[in-house]
N, C-alpha and C. Protein backbone atom coordinates (compact mmCIF):
# COMPACT_ATOMS: atom_id res chain seq x y z
N MET A 1 3.08 -43.02 17.79
CA MET A 1 1.68 -42.50 17.79
C MET A 1 1.15 -42.57 19.28
N GLN A 2 1.56 -43.46 20.10
CA GLN A 2 1.01 -43.54 21.46
C GLN A 2 1.48 -42.38 22.26
N ASN A 3 2.57 -41.65 21.86
CA ASN A 3 3.21 -40.60 22.77
C ASN A 3 2.76 -39.21 22.20
N ILE A 4 1.80 -39.13 21.43
CA ILE A 4 1.26 -37.77 20.89
C ILE A 4 0.87 -37.02 22.04
N LYS A 5 1.17 -35.72 22.12
CA LYS A 5 0.67 -34.84 23.14
C LYS A 5 -0.28 -33.90 22.54
N PRO A 6 -1.59 -34.13 22.59
CA PRO A 6 -2.57 -33.26 21.98
C PRO A 6 -2.54 -31.82 22.41
N LYS A 7 -2.15 -31.62 23.64
CA LYS A 7 -2.22 -30.21 24.13
C LYS A 7 -1.32 -29.30 23.30
N TYR A 8 -0.19 -29.75 22.87
CA TYR A 8 0.70 -28.96 22.07
C TYR A 8 0.07 -28.60 20.71
N PHE A 9 -0.60 -29.46 20.14
CA PHE A 9 -1.37 -29.16 18.88
C PHE A 9 -2.43 -28.25 19.16
N LEU A 10 -3.17 -28.31 20.31
CA LEU A 10 -4.20 -27.48 20.65
C LEU A 10 -3.73 -26.01 20.82
N PHE A 11 -2.56 -25.90 21.42
CA PHE A 11 -1.96 -24.63 21.64
C PHE A 11 -1.61 -23.88 20.28
N LEU A 12 -1.12 -24.76 19.32
CA LEU A 12 -0.90 -24.20 18.03
C LEU A 12 -2.16 -23.81 17.33
N VAL A 13 -3.20 -24.57 17.50
CA VAL A 13 -4.58 -24.20 16.90
C VAL A 13 -5.02 -22.93 17.51
N LEU A 14 -4.94 -22.71 18.76
CA LEU A 14 -5.41 -21.45 19.42
C LEU A 14 -4.69 -20.22 18.89
N PHE A 15 -3.36 -20.44 18.71
CA PHE A 15 -2.49 -19.35 18.18
C PHE A 15 -2.92 -19.04 16.74
N LEU A 16 -3.24 -20.06 15.96
CA LEU A 16 -3.61 -19.80 14.54
C LEU A 16 -5.03 -19.20 14.53
N LEU A 17 -5.90 -19.56 15.39
CA LEU A 17 -7.23 -18.94 15.46
C LEU A 17 -7.14 -17.44 15.73
N GLN A 18 -6.25 -17.06 16.57
CA GLN A 18 -6.00 -15.60 16.82
C GLN A 18 -5.55 -14.97 15.56
N ILE A 19 -4.70 -15.51 14.77
CA ILE A 19 -4.26 -14.91 13.54
C ILE A 19 -5.40 -14.84 12.55
N GLU A 20 -6.23 -15.82 12.53
CA GLU A 20 -7.42 -15.93 11.62
C GLU A 20 -8.26 -14.68 11.77
N PHE A 21 -8.52 -14.29 13.06
CA PHE A 21 -9.50 -13.27 13.31
C PHE A 21 -8.90 -11.82 13.21
N ILE A 22 -7.69 -11.66 12.93
CA ILE A 22 -7.06 -10.40 12.87
C ILE A 22 -7.78 -9.56 11.85
N ASN A 23 -8.09 -10.13 10.76
CA ASN A 23 -8.74 -9.28 9.65
C ASN A 23 -9.92 -10.10 9.21
N ALA A 24 -11.04 -9.80 9.72
CA ALA A 24 -12.24 -10.49 9.34
C ALA A 24 -12.76 -10.22 7.95
N GLN A 25 -12.15 -9.22 7.32
CA GLN A 25 -12.57 -8.88 5.91
C GLN A 25 -12.24 -10.03 5.05
N ASP A 26 -11.30 -10.89 5.27
CA ASP A 26 -10.90 -12.02 4.40
C ASP A 26 -11.16 -13.33 4.97
N THR A 27 -12.04 -13.40 5.97
CA THR A 27 -12.30 -14.57 6.71
C THR A 27 -13.76 -14.98 6.66
N PHE A 28 -13.93 -16.34 6.46
CA PHE A 28 -15.32 -16.86 6.53
C PHE A 28 -15.28 -18.18 7.15
N THR A 29 -16.48 -18.71 7.50
CA THR A 29 -16.66 -19.97 8.17
C THR A 29 -17.65 -20.87 7.42
N GLU A 30 -17.41 -22.10 7.54
CA GLU A 30 -18.34 -23.12 6.96
C GLU A 30 -18.83 -24.08 7.96
N ILE A 31 -20.10 -24.44 7.93
CA ILE A 31 -20.72 -25.46 8.87
C ILE A 31 -21.49 -26.40 7.96
N GLY A 32 -21.31 -27.67 8.23
CA GLY A 32 -22.11 -28.68 7.41
C GLY A 32 -21.94 -30.09 7.98
N VAL A 33 -22.30 -30.96 7.06
CA VAL A 33 -22.35 -32.41 7.30
C VAL A 33 -21.57 -33.15 6.25
N GLY A 34 -21.23 -34.43 6.59
CA GLY A 34 -20.60 -35.29 5.62
C GLY A 34 -21.10 -36.68 5.73
N ILE A 35 -21.16 -37.41 4.64
CA ILE A 35 -21.62 -38.76 4.66
C ILE A 35 -20.79 -39.57 3.71
N GLY A 36 -20.48 -40.84 4.10
CA GLY A 36 -19.54 -41.62 3.28
C GLY A 36 -19.37 -42.98 3.85
N ASN A 37 -18.14 -43.55 3.70
CA ASN A 37 -17.98 -44.99 4.25
C ASN A 37 -16.50 -45.14 4.44
N VAL A 38 -16.17 -46.38 5.05
CA VAL A 38 -14.70 -46.67 5.27
C VAL A 38 -14.15 -47.21 4.00
N ILE A 39 -12.93 -46.81 3.83
CA ILE A 39 -12.13 -47.30 2.68
C ILE A 39 -11.62 -48.74 2.96
N GLY A 40 -11.77 -49.59 1.92
CA GLY A 40 -11.29 -50.94 2.14
C GLY A 40 -12.45 -51.86 2.63
N ASN A 41 -12.46 -52.06 3.89
CA ASN A 41 -13.46 -52.99 4.50
C ASN A 41 -14.76 -52.08 4.83
N ARG A 42 -15.66 -52.01 3.82
CA ARG A 42 -16.80 -51.10 3.89
C ARG A 42 -17.66 -51.46 5.16
N ASN A 43 -18.24 -50.39 5.66
CA ASN A 43 -19.20 -50.46 6.79
C ASN A 43 -20.56 -50.39 6.33
N ALA A 44 -21.44 -51.43 6.52
CA ALA A 44 -22.78 -51.45 6.08
C ALA A 44 -23.66 -50.30 6.66
N ARG A 45 -23.22 -49.78 7.78
CA ARG A 45 -23.94 -48.64 8.42
C ARG A 45 -23.46 -47.29 7.97
N GLY A 46 -22.43 -47.22 7.09
CA GLY A 46 -21.96 -45.97 6.65
C GLY A 46 -21.24 -45.15 7.69
N LYS A 47 -20.75 -43.97 7.29
CA LYS A 47 -20.20 -43.02 8.24
C LYS A 47 -20.73 -41.63 8.04
N GLY A 48 -20.92 -40.84 9.11
CA GLY A 48 -21.40 -39.51 9.02
C GLY A 48 -20.63 -38.65 9.94
N GLU A 49 -20.67 -37.33 9.62
CA GLU A 49 -19.89 -36.37 10.50
C GLU A 49 -20.63 -35.04 10.51
N LEU A 50 -20.34 -34.22 11.55
CA LEU A 50 -20.64 -32.85 11.60
C LEU A 50 -19.30 -32.06 11.59
N HIS A 51 -19.27 -30.89 10.84
CA HIS A 51 -17.99 -30.25 10.80
C HIS A 51 -18.21 -28.72 10.84
N PHE A 52 -17.16 -28.11 11.31
CA PHE A 52 -17.10 -26.63 11.41
C PHE A 52 -15.66 -26.23 11.06
N ASN A 53 -15.57 -25.19 10.20
CA ASN A 53 -14.27 -24.63 9.92
C ASN A 53 -14.22 -23.14 9.79
N ILE A 54 -13.03 -22.57 9.94
CA ILE A 54 -12.76 -21.19 9.75
C ILE A 54 -11.68 -21.08 8.72
N ILE A 55 -11.79 -20.16 7.74
CA ILE A 55 -10.89 -20.08 6.63
C ILE A 55 -10.52 -18.55 6.48
N LYS A 56 -9.17 -18.34 6.13
CA LYS A 56 -8.76 -17.03 5.79
C LYS A 56 -8.10 -17.03 4.40
N SER A 57 -8.37 -16.09 3.59
CA SER A 57 -7.87 -16.02 2.23
C SER A 57 -6.62 -15.17 2.20
N TYR A 58 -5.70 -15.78 1.36
CA TYR A 58 -4.38 -15.10 1.17
C TYR A 58 -4.14 -15.09 -0.40
N GLN A 59 -3.10 -14.42 -0.82
CA GLN A 59 -2.76 -14.38 -2.22
C GLN A 59 -2.39 -15.87 -2.73
N PHE A 60 -1.84 -16.61 -1.88
CA PHE A 60 -1.31 -17.97 -2.25
C PHE A 60 -2.34 -19.03 -2.13
N GLY A 61 -3.57 -18.67 -1.67
CA GLY A 61 -4.64 -19.70 -1.39
C GLY A 61 -5.33 -19.37 -0.09
N GLN A 62 -5.90 -20.38 0.53
CA GLN A 62 -6.62 -20.24 1.72
C GLN A 62 -6.15 -21.24 2.78
N LEU A 63 -5.93 -20.68 3.98
CA LEU A 63 -5.56 -21.50 5.21
C LEU A 63 -6.75 -21.58 6.10
N GLY A 64 -6.96 -22.75 6.77
CA GLY A 64 -8.07 -22.88 7.60
C GLY A 64 -7.87 -23.93 8.76
N LEU A 65 -8.80 -23.93 9.60
CA LEU A 65 -8.89 -24.88 10.75
C LEU A 65 -10.19 -25.59 10.62
N ASP A 66 -10.17 -26.85 10.87
CA ASP A 66 -11.40 -27.70 10.79
C ASP A 66 -11.60 -28.57 11.93
N ILE A 67 -12.83 -28.54 12.49
CA ILE A 67 -13.12 -29.38 13.61
C ILE A 67 -14.29 -30.34 13.14
N SER A 68 -14.23 -31.59 13.40
CA SER A 68 -15.26 -32.51 12.95
C SER A 68 -15.42 -33.66 14.05
N THR A 69 -16.65 -34.18 14.07
CA THR A 69 -16.93 -35.29 14.93
C THR A 69 -17.91 -36.14 14.21
N GLY A 70 -17.76 -37.52 14.40
CA GLY A 70 -18.68 -38.45 13.65
C GLY A 70 -18.62 -39.84 14.15
N GLY A 71 -19.37 -40.70 13.45
CA GLY A 71 -19.42 -42.13 13.74
C GLY A 71 -20.28 -42.80 12.66
N ASN A 72 -20.95 -43.91 13.09
CA ASN A 72 -21.78 -44.61 12.16
C ASN A 72 -22.95 -43.72 11.67
N PHE A 73 -23.27 -43.72 10.41
CA PHE A 73 -24.43 -42.93 9.90
C PHE A 73 -25.74 -43.60 10.36
N ILE A 74 -25.79 -44.90 10.34
CA ILE A 74 -26.92 -45.68 10.88
C ILE A 74 -26.49 -46.17 12.25
N PRO A 75 -27.23 -45.82 13.29
CA PRO A 75 -26.77 -46.26 14.67
C PRO A 75 -26.64 -47.76 14.74
N GLY A 76 -25.76 -48.18 15.66
CA GLY A 76 -25.60 -49.53 15.88
C GLY A 76 -24.14 -50.00 15.74
N ILE A 77 -23.93 -51.31 16.01
CA ILE A 77 -22.52 -51.82 15.94
C ILE A 77 -22.46 -53.04 15.11
N THR A 78 -21.33 -53.39 14.60
CA THR A 78 -21.16 -54.60 13.87
C THR A 78 -20.07 -55.60 14.41
N SER A 79 -20.04 -55.63 15.75
CA SER A 79 -19.01 -56.43 16.37
C SER A 79 -19.29 -57.95 16.11
N VAL A 80 -18.25 -58.74 16.29
CA VAL A 80 -18.36 -60.14 15.99
C VAL A 80 -18.28 -60.94 17.37
N GLU A 81 -19.21 -61.82 17.57
CA GLU A 81 -19.20 -62.57 18.84
C GLU A 81 -19.01 -64.04 18.51
N ASP A 82 -18.03 -64.62 19.20
CA ASP A 82 -17.66 -66.03 19.07
C ASP A 82 -17.53 -66.68 20.49
N GLU A 83 -18.55 -67.48 20.89
CA GLU A 83 -18.65 -67.96 22.23
C GLU A 83 -18.70 -66.86 23.13
N ASN A 84 -17.71 -66.70 24.07
CA ASN A 84 -17.63 -65.62 25.02
C ASN A 84 -16.63 -64.54 24.73
N ILE A 85 -16.33 -64.39 23.42
CA ILE A 85 -15.48 -63.30 22.93
C ILE A 85 -16.16 -62.40 22.00
N GLU A 86 -16.19 -61.12 22.32
CA GLU A 86 -16.76 -60.12 21.39
C GLU A 86 -15.64 -59.20 20.88
N THR A 87 -15.44 -59.25 19.57
CA THR A 87 -14.39 -58.47 18.89
C THR A 87 -15.04 -57.27 18.23
N LEU A 88 -14.62 -56.08 18.69
CA LEU A 88 -15.09 -54.79 18.11
C LEU A 88 -14.61 -54.62 16.71
N SER A 89 -15.48 -54.06 15.89
CA SER A 89 -15.12 -53.79 14.52
C SER A 89 -14.50 -52.36 14.52
N SER A 90 -13.31 -52.21 13.86
CA SER A 90 -12.80 -50.90 13.73
C SER A 90 -13.63 -49.97 12.92
N ASN A 91 -14.55 -50.47 12.11
CA ASN A 91 -15.45 -49.62 11.34
C ASN A 91 -16.41 -48.87 12.25
N ASP A 92 -16.68 -49.34 13.39
CA ASP A 92 -17.72 -48.76 14.29
C ASP A 92 -17.13 -47.61 15.14
N PHE A 93 -15.81 -47.44 15.16
CA PHE A 93 -15.28 -46.45 16.08
C PHE A 93 -15.69 -45.02 15.66
N LYS A 94 -15.96 -44.23 16.68
CA LYS A 94 -16.30 -42.77 16.45
C LYS A 94 -15.00 -41.95 16.32
N PHE A 95 -15.12 -40.83 15.90
CA PHE A 95 -13.93 -39.95 15.75
C PHE A 95 -14.16 -38.49 16.00
N THR A 96 -13.10 -37.84 16.41
CA THR A 96 -13.09 -36.40 16.57
C THR A 96 -11.80 -35.94 16.00
N THR A 97 -11.81 -34.89 15.13
CA THR A 97 -10.66 -34.39 14.52
C THR A 97 -10.46 -32.90 14.69
N LEU A 98 -9.22 -32.49 14.66
CA LEU A 98 -8.88 -31.04 14.76
C LEU A 98 -7.69 -30.88 13.76
N MET A 99 -7.99 -30.17 12.66
CA MET A 99 -6.99 -30.16 11.55
C MET A 99 -6.68 -28.75 11.07
N VAL A 100 -5.57 -28.59 10.52
CA VAL A 100 -5.15 -27.42 9.67
C VAL A 100 -5.25 -27.81 8.23
N PHE A 101 -5.72 -26.90 7.37
CA PHE A 101 -5.80 -27.34 5.99
C PHE A 101 -5.47 -26.17 5.07
N TYR A 102 -4.95 -26.49 3.87
CA TYR A 102 -4.65 -25.45 2.79
C TYR A 102 -5.52 -25.73 1.65
N ARG A 103 -6.24 -24.77 1.15
CA ARG A 103 -7.16 -24.81 0.01
C ARG A 103 -6.65 -24.05 -1.16
N LEU A 104 -6.37 -24.68 -2.30
CA LEU A 104 -5.84 -24.03 -3.44
C LEU A 104 -6.94 -23.97 -4.55
N PRO A 105 -7.38 -22.66 -4.89
CA PRO A 105 -8.30 -22.52 -5.97
C PRO A 105 -7.65 -22.97 -7.29
N ILE A 106 -8.40 -23.79 -8.10
CA ILE A 106 -7.89 -24.18 -9.41
C ILE A 106 -8.74 -23.62 -10.56
N LYS A 107 -9.92 -23.19 -10.32
CA LYS A 107 -10.79 -22.52 -11.22
C LYS A 107 -11.61 -21.52 -10.45
N LYS A 108 -12.52 -20.89 -11.08
CA LYS A 108 -13.28 -19.78 -10.38
C LYS A 108 -13.98 -20.39 -9.18
N HIS A 109 -14.65 -21.57 -9.33
CA HIS A 109 -15.41 -22.19 -8.25
C HIS A 109 -14.93 -23.49 -7.72
N PHE A 110 -13.69 -23.93 -8.24
CA PHE A 110 -13.22 -25.21 -7.85
C PHE A 110 -11.97 -25.13 -6.98
N PHE A 111 -11.65 -26.13 -6.20
CA PHE A 111 -10.48 -26.08 -5.41
C PHE A 111 -9.97 -27.54 -5.11
N ILE A 112 -8.74 -27.57 -4.70
CA ILE A 112 -8.19 -28.86 -4.07
C ILE A 112 -7.62 -28.51 -2.71
N GLU A 113 -7.64 -29.36 -1.82
CA GLU A 113 -7.07 -29.08 -0.48
C GLU A 113 -6.38 -30.25 0.14
N SER A 114 -5.42 -29.95 0.97
CA SER A 114 -4.74 -30.93 1.78
C SER A 114 -4.88 -30.60 3.31
N ARG A 115 -4.88 -31.55 4.16
CA ARG A 115 -5.01 -31.27 5.56
C ARG A 115 -4.28 -32.19 6.42
N PHE A 116 -3.99 -31.79 7.64
CA PHE A 116 -3.30 -32.70 8.63
C PHE A 116 -3.67 -32.15 10.07
N GLY A 117 -3.57 -32.99 11.08
CA GLY A 117 -3.84 -32.60 12.40
C GLY A 117 -3.91 -33.76 13.33
N TYR A 118 -4.82 -33.61 14.33
CA TYR A 118 -4.98 -34.57 15.45
C TYR A 118 -6.33 -35.26 15.26
N SER A 119 -6.33 -36.56 15.54
CA SER A 119 -7.67 -37.26 15.56
C SER A 119 -7.71 -38.19 16.88
N SER A 120 -8.85 -38.42 17.37
CA SER A 120 -9.08 -39.38 18.38
C SER A 120 -10.13 -40.39 17.94
N LEU A 121 -9.75 -41.70 17.88
CA LEU A 121 -10.64 -42.77 17.60
C LEU A 121 -11.12 -43.43 18.88
N PHE A 122 -12.42 -43.52 19.11
CA PHE A 122 -12.88 -44.00 20.43
C PHE A 122 -14.18 -44.78 20.30
N ALA A 123 -14.48 -45.57 21.27
CA ALA A 123 -15.69 -46.39 21.39
C ALA A 123 -16.05 -46.62 22.81
N PHE A 124 -17.36 -46.70 23.06
CA PHE A 124 -17.83 -46.95 24.41
C PHE A 124 -18.01 -48.49 24.67
N VAL A 125 -17.39 -49.07 25.56
CA VAL A 125 -17.32 -50.47 25.76
C VAL A 125 -18.05 -50.99 26.95
N HIS A 126 -18.08 -50.14 28.06
CA HIS A 126 -18.78 -50.44 29.28
C HIS A 126 -18.42 -51.76 29.83
N THR A 127 -17.05 -51.96 29.96
CA THR A 127 -16.53 -53.20 30.58
C THR A 127 -16.24 -52.99 32.05
N ASP A 128 -15.76 -53.96 32.68
CA ASP A 128 -15.60 -53.87 34.14
C ASP A 128 -14.59 -52.81 34.53
N ASP A 129 -13.59 -52.48 33.65
CA ASP A 129 -12.63 -51.51 34.03
C ASP A 129 -12.67 -50.25 33.27
N LYS A 130 -13.38 -50.22 32.13
CA LYS A 130 -13.49 -48.95 31.36
C LYS A 130 -14.91 -48.67 30.80
N THR A 131 -15.25 -47.49 30.65
CA THR A 131 -16.47 -47.07 29.92
C THR A 131 -16.17 -46.73 28.47
N LYS A 132 -15.00 -46.19 28.27
CA LYS A 132 -14.61 -45.75 27.00
C LYS A 132 -13.13 -46.02 26.66
N ILE A 133 -12.93 -46.47 25.45
CA ILE A 133 -11.54 -46.63 24.99
C ILE A 133 -11.22 -45.69 23.89
N SER A 134 -9.99 -45.24 23.77
CA SER A 134 -9.65 -44.30 22.80
C SER A 134 -8.18 -44.27 22.48
N ARG A 135 -7.83 -43.68 21.34
CA ARG A 135 -6.41 -43.63 20.92
C ARG A 135 -6.15 -42.38 20.14
N PRO A 136 -5.17 -41.55 20.52
CA PRO A 136 -4.85 -40.32 19.75
C PRO A 136 -4.06 -40.67 18.57
N ASN A 137 -4.22 -39.96 17.43
CA ASN A 137 -3.50 -40.17 16.23
C ASN A 137 -3.18 -38.85 15.54
N PHE A 138 -2.24 -38.94 14.60
CA PHE A 138 -2.05 -37.90 13.57
C PHE A 138 -2.94 -38.27 12.44
N THR A 139 -3.62 -37.28 11.80
CA THR A 139 -4.56 -37.59 10.67
C THR A 139 -4.08 -36.68 9.50
N THR A 140 -4.20 -37.22 8.27
CA THR A 140 -3.93 -36.51 7.06
C THR A 140 -5.03 -36.74 6.09
N GLY A 141 -5.26 -35.88 5.12
CA GLY A 141 -6.24 -36.01 4.16
C GLY A 141 -6.05 -35.17 2.93
N ILE A 142 -6.89 -35.44 1.94
CA ILE A 142 -6.90 -34.63 0.67
C ILE A 142 -8.29 -34.60 0.12
N GLY A 143 -8.64 -33.48 -0.58
CA GLY A 143 -9.97 -33.41 -1.10
C GLY A 143 -10.07 -32.44 -2.21
N ILE A 144 -11.19 -32.56 -3.02
CA ILE A 144 -11.51 -31.71 -4.06
C ILE A 144 -12.90 -31.16 -3.86
N GLY A 145 -13.19 -29.99 -4.37
CA GLY A 145 -14.46 -29.43 -4.18
C GLY A 145 -14.87 -28.23 -5.02
N ALA A 146 -16.02 -27.72 -4.80
CA ALA A 146 -16.45 -26.51 -5.55
C ALA A 146 -17.39 -25.74 -4.60
N HIS A 147 -17.57 -24.46 -4.83
CA HIS A 147 -18.49 -23.65 -4.12
C HIS A 147 -19.43 -22.88 -5.15
N THR A 148 -20.57 -22.70 -4.77
CA THR A 148 -21.53 -21.88 -5.59
C THR A 148 -22.40 -21.15 -4.59
N ASN A 149 -22.41 -19.78 -4.83
CA ASN A 149 -23.12 -18.93 -3.83
C ASN A 149 -22.50 -19.25 -2.42
N ASN A 150 -23.35 -19.59 -1.53
CA ASN A 150 -22.85 -19.91 -0.17
C ASN A 150 -22.72 -21.37 0.18
N PHE A 151 -22.94 -22.27 -0.80
CA PHE A 151 -22.80 -23.66 -0.62
C PHE A 151 -21.50 -24.22 -1.05
N VAL A 152 -20.92 -25.09 -0.31
CA VAL A 152 -19.69 -25.73 -0.67
C VAL A 152 -19.85 -27.23 -0.64
N LEU A 153 -19.47 -27.90 -1.83
CA LEU A 153 -19.57 -29.35 -1.97
C LEU A 153 -18.14 -29.87 -2.16
N SER A 154 -17.85 -30.97 -1.42
CA SER A 154 -16.48 -31.51 -1.61
C SER A 154 -16.44 -33.05 -1.41
N LEU A 155 -15.43 -33.65 -1.90
CA LEU A 155 -15.19 -35.10 -1.71
C LEU A 155 -13.87 -35.18 -1.09
N ARG A 156 -13.74 -35.89 0.07
CA ARG A 156 -12.55 -35.92 0.85
C ARG A 156 -12.11 -37.27 1.26
N TYR A 157 -10.90 -37.58 1.18
CA TYR A 157 -10.36 -38.83 1.75
C TYR A 157 -9.60 -38.41 3.00
N GLN A 158 -9.87 -39.17 4.15
CA GLN A 158 -9.25 -38.83 5.43
C GLN A 158 -8.69 -40.07 6.07
N TYR A 159 -7.40 -40.18 6.31
CA TYR A 159 -6.82 -41.19 7.11
C TYR A 159 -6.89 -40.81 8.64
N LEU A 160 -7.60 -41.46 9.39
CA LEU A 160 -7.82 -41.11 10.72
C LEU A 160 -6.88 -41.73 11.73
N GLY A 161 -6.09 -42.71 11.24
CA GLY A 161 -5.07 -43.31 12.15
C GLY A 161 -5.44 -44.77 12.49
N VAL A 162 -5.09 -45.20 13.78
CA VAL A 162 -5.19 -46.58 14.09
C VAL A 162 -6.09 -46.65 15.29
N THR A 163 -6.94 -47.63 15.41
CA THR A 163 -7.88 -47.90 16.48
C THR A 163 -7.15 -48.44 17.64
N PRO A 164 -7.59 -48.24 18.91
CA PRO A 164 -6.90 -48.81 20.12
C PRO A 164 -6.84 -50.31 20.26
N ASN A 165 -5.78 -50.79 20.83
CA ASN A 165 -5.66 -52.16 21.13
C ASN A 165 -6.07 -52.41 22.54
N TYR A 166 -7.12 -53.27 22.81
CA TYR A 166 -7.67 -53.34 24.14
C TYR A 166 -8.28 -54.75 24.38
N GLU A 167 -8.26 -55.16 25.70
CA GLU A 167 -8.99 -56.34 25.99
C GLU A 167 -9.46 -56.16 27.39
N GLY A 168 -10.85 -56.49 27.67
CA GLY A 168 -11.44 -56.33 28.98
C GLY A 168 -12.57 -57.31 29.06
N THR A 169 -13.24 -57.27 30.21
CA THR A 169 -14.35 -58.28 30.35
C THR A 169 -15.69 -57.51 30.71
N LYS A 170 -16.77 -58.07 30.24
CA LYS A 170 -18.12 -57.52 30.53
C LYS A 170 -19.05 -58.67 30.67
N ASN A 171 -19.60 -58.82 31.95
CA ASN A 171 -20.49 -59.94 32.21
C ASN A 171 -20.02 -61.29 31.68
N MET A 172 -18.70 -61.60 32.07
CA MET A 172 -18.11 -62.90 31.65
C MET A 172 -17.82 -63.00 30.23
N THR A 173 -17.99 -61.89 29.44
CA THR A 173 -17.55 -61.93 28.11
C THR A 173 -16.33 -61.09 27.85
N ILE A 174 -15.38 -61.58 27.15
CA ILE A 174 -14.15 -60.90 26.79
C ILE A 174 -14.43 -59.98 25.59
N VAL A 175 -14.11 -58.70 25.83
CA VAL A 175 -14.27 -57.64 24.78
C VAL A 175 -12.92 -57.20 24.24
N ARG A 176 -12.74 -57.40 23.05
CA ARG A 176 -11.46 -57.09 22.31
C ARG A 176 -11.52 -56.02 21.35
N SER A 177 -10.53 -55.21 21.20
CA SER A 177 -10.31 -54.24 20.08
C SER A 177 -8.93 -54.30 19.63
N ASN A 178 -8.83 -54.56 18.25
CA ASN A 178 -7.52 -54.76 17.61
C ASN A 178 -7.14 -53.35 16.95
N SER A 179 -5.82 -53.20 16.95
CA SER A 179 -5.25 -52.04 16.23
C SER A 179 -5.35 -52.10 14.78
N GLU A 180 -6.22 -51.34 14.21
CA GLU A 180 -6.45 -51.48 12.71
C GLU A 180 -6.49 -49.99 12.10
N SER A 181 -5.90 -49.83 10.90
CA SER A 181 -6.01 -48.52 10.28
C SER A 181 -7.49 -48.23 9.91
N LEU A 182 -7.79 -46.89 9.91
CA LEU A 182 -9.18 -46.49 9.51
C LEU A 182 -8.99 -45.26 8.67
N GLY A 183 -9.54 -45.36 7.45
CA GLY A 183 -9.63 -44.32 6.49
C GLY A 183 -11.00 -44.18 6.00
N LEU A 184 -11.46 -42.92 5.73
CA LEU A 184 -12.80 -42.60 5.24
C LEU A 184 -12.84 -41.80 4.01
N LEU A 185 -13.87 -42.13 3.20
CA LEU A 185 -14.15 -41.28 1.99
C LEU A 185 -15.51 -40.58 2.26
N LEU A 186 -15.49 -39.27 2.36
CA LEU A 186 -16.74 -38.58 2.71
C LEU A 186 -17.07 -37.51 1.66
N PHE A 187 -18.41 -37.38 1.46
CA PHE A 187 -18.99 -36.37 0.62
C PHE A 187 -19.52 -35.28 1.62
N ARG A 188 -19.00 -34.04 1.49
CA ARG A 188 -19.32 -32.97 2.38
C ARG A 188 -20.23 -32.00 1.72
N ILE A 189 -21.21 -31.41 2.47
CA ILE A 189 -21.95 -30.23 2.00
C ILE A 189 -21.99 -29.23 3.16
N SER A 190 -21.58 -27.99 2.87
CA SER A 190 -21.38 -26.95 3.91
C SER A 190 -22.03 -25.70 3.48
N TYR A 191 -22.37 -24.86 4.43
CA TYR A 191 -22.89 -23.53 4.23
C TYR A 191 -21.88 -22.51 4.70
N ARG A 192 -21.58 -21.55 3.83
CA ARG A 192 -20.54 -20.60 4.12
C ARG A 192 -21.13 -19.29 4.67
N PHE A 193 -20.51 -18.79 5.74
CA PHE A 193 -20.81 -17.43 6.27
C PHE A 193 -19.64 -16.56 6.12
N ASP A 194 -19.86 -15.39 5.57
CA ASP A 194 -18.72 -14.40 5.48
C ASP A 194 -18.67 -13.64 6.75
N LEU A 195 -17.48 -13.61 7.45
CA LEU A 195 -17.53 -13.03 8.69
C LEU A 195 -17.43 -11.49 8.64
N LYS A 196 -17.27 -10.88 7.47
CA LYS A 196 -17.25 -9.49 7.37
C LYS A 196 -18.62 -8.89 7.59
N TYR A 197 -19.65 -9.73 7.42
CA TYR A 197 -21.07 -9.30 7.69
C TYR A 197 -21.46 -9.56 9.18
N LEU A 198 -20.62 -10.25 9.95
CA LEU A 198 -20.92 -10.57 11.28
C LEU A 198 -20.12 -9.74 12.33
N PHE A 199 -19.07 -9.12 11.86
CA PHE A 199 -18.14 -8.29 12.76
C PHE A 199 -18.05 -6.91 12.32
């Protein structure tokens, strides 16, 4: 995981984006928000995200690209302090994802989807040697949903990867981050735009 080269994935994404726009008649985009929580060790502050995707329809289903960014739904952190050691909670890490997904219609308005791609888990630490720590990961997820008119509702599980392992100092306090897995369950609501009316 440490040796992931995000630029290669980004090149693939740009290539797929070009394909997506070849025929705008079968292409649409969705913009929305998500709210949920960490799987396992729940976060009292919850998790929220903003997302944008572009989708193209084919006979075998729909292929799309999804970009999202998020963090704690309620601002703040839940780090643990013991004497002069502050241990960051993996639940507080922010995230950015770039994913490819496949959406399979199962009824007129319902679908299931799988997704994979690149994620970055990061936090601002403001220690003596760093302002921000981050770790690149591969991310995978699965979801179910439905659409009615131009609104799309879905429930999605997303494994975001592993938080960075780090130790630094800030004002004589040791700041630590441990490598821990982070997975989210998010409820998404999106608004759909049909690109054939925009181009």
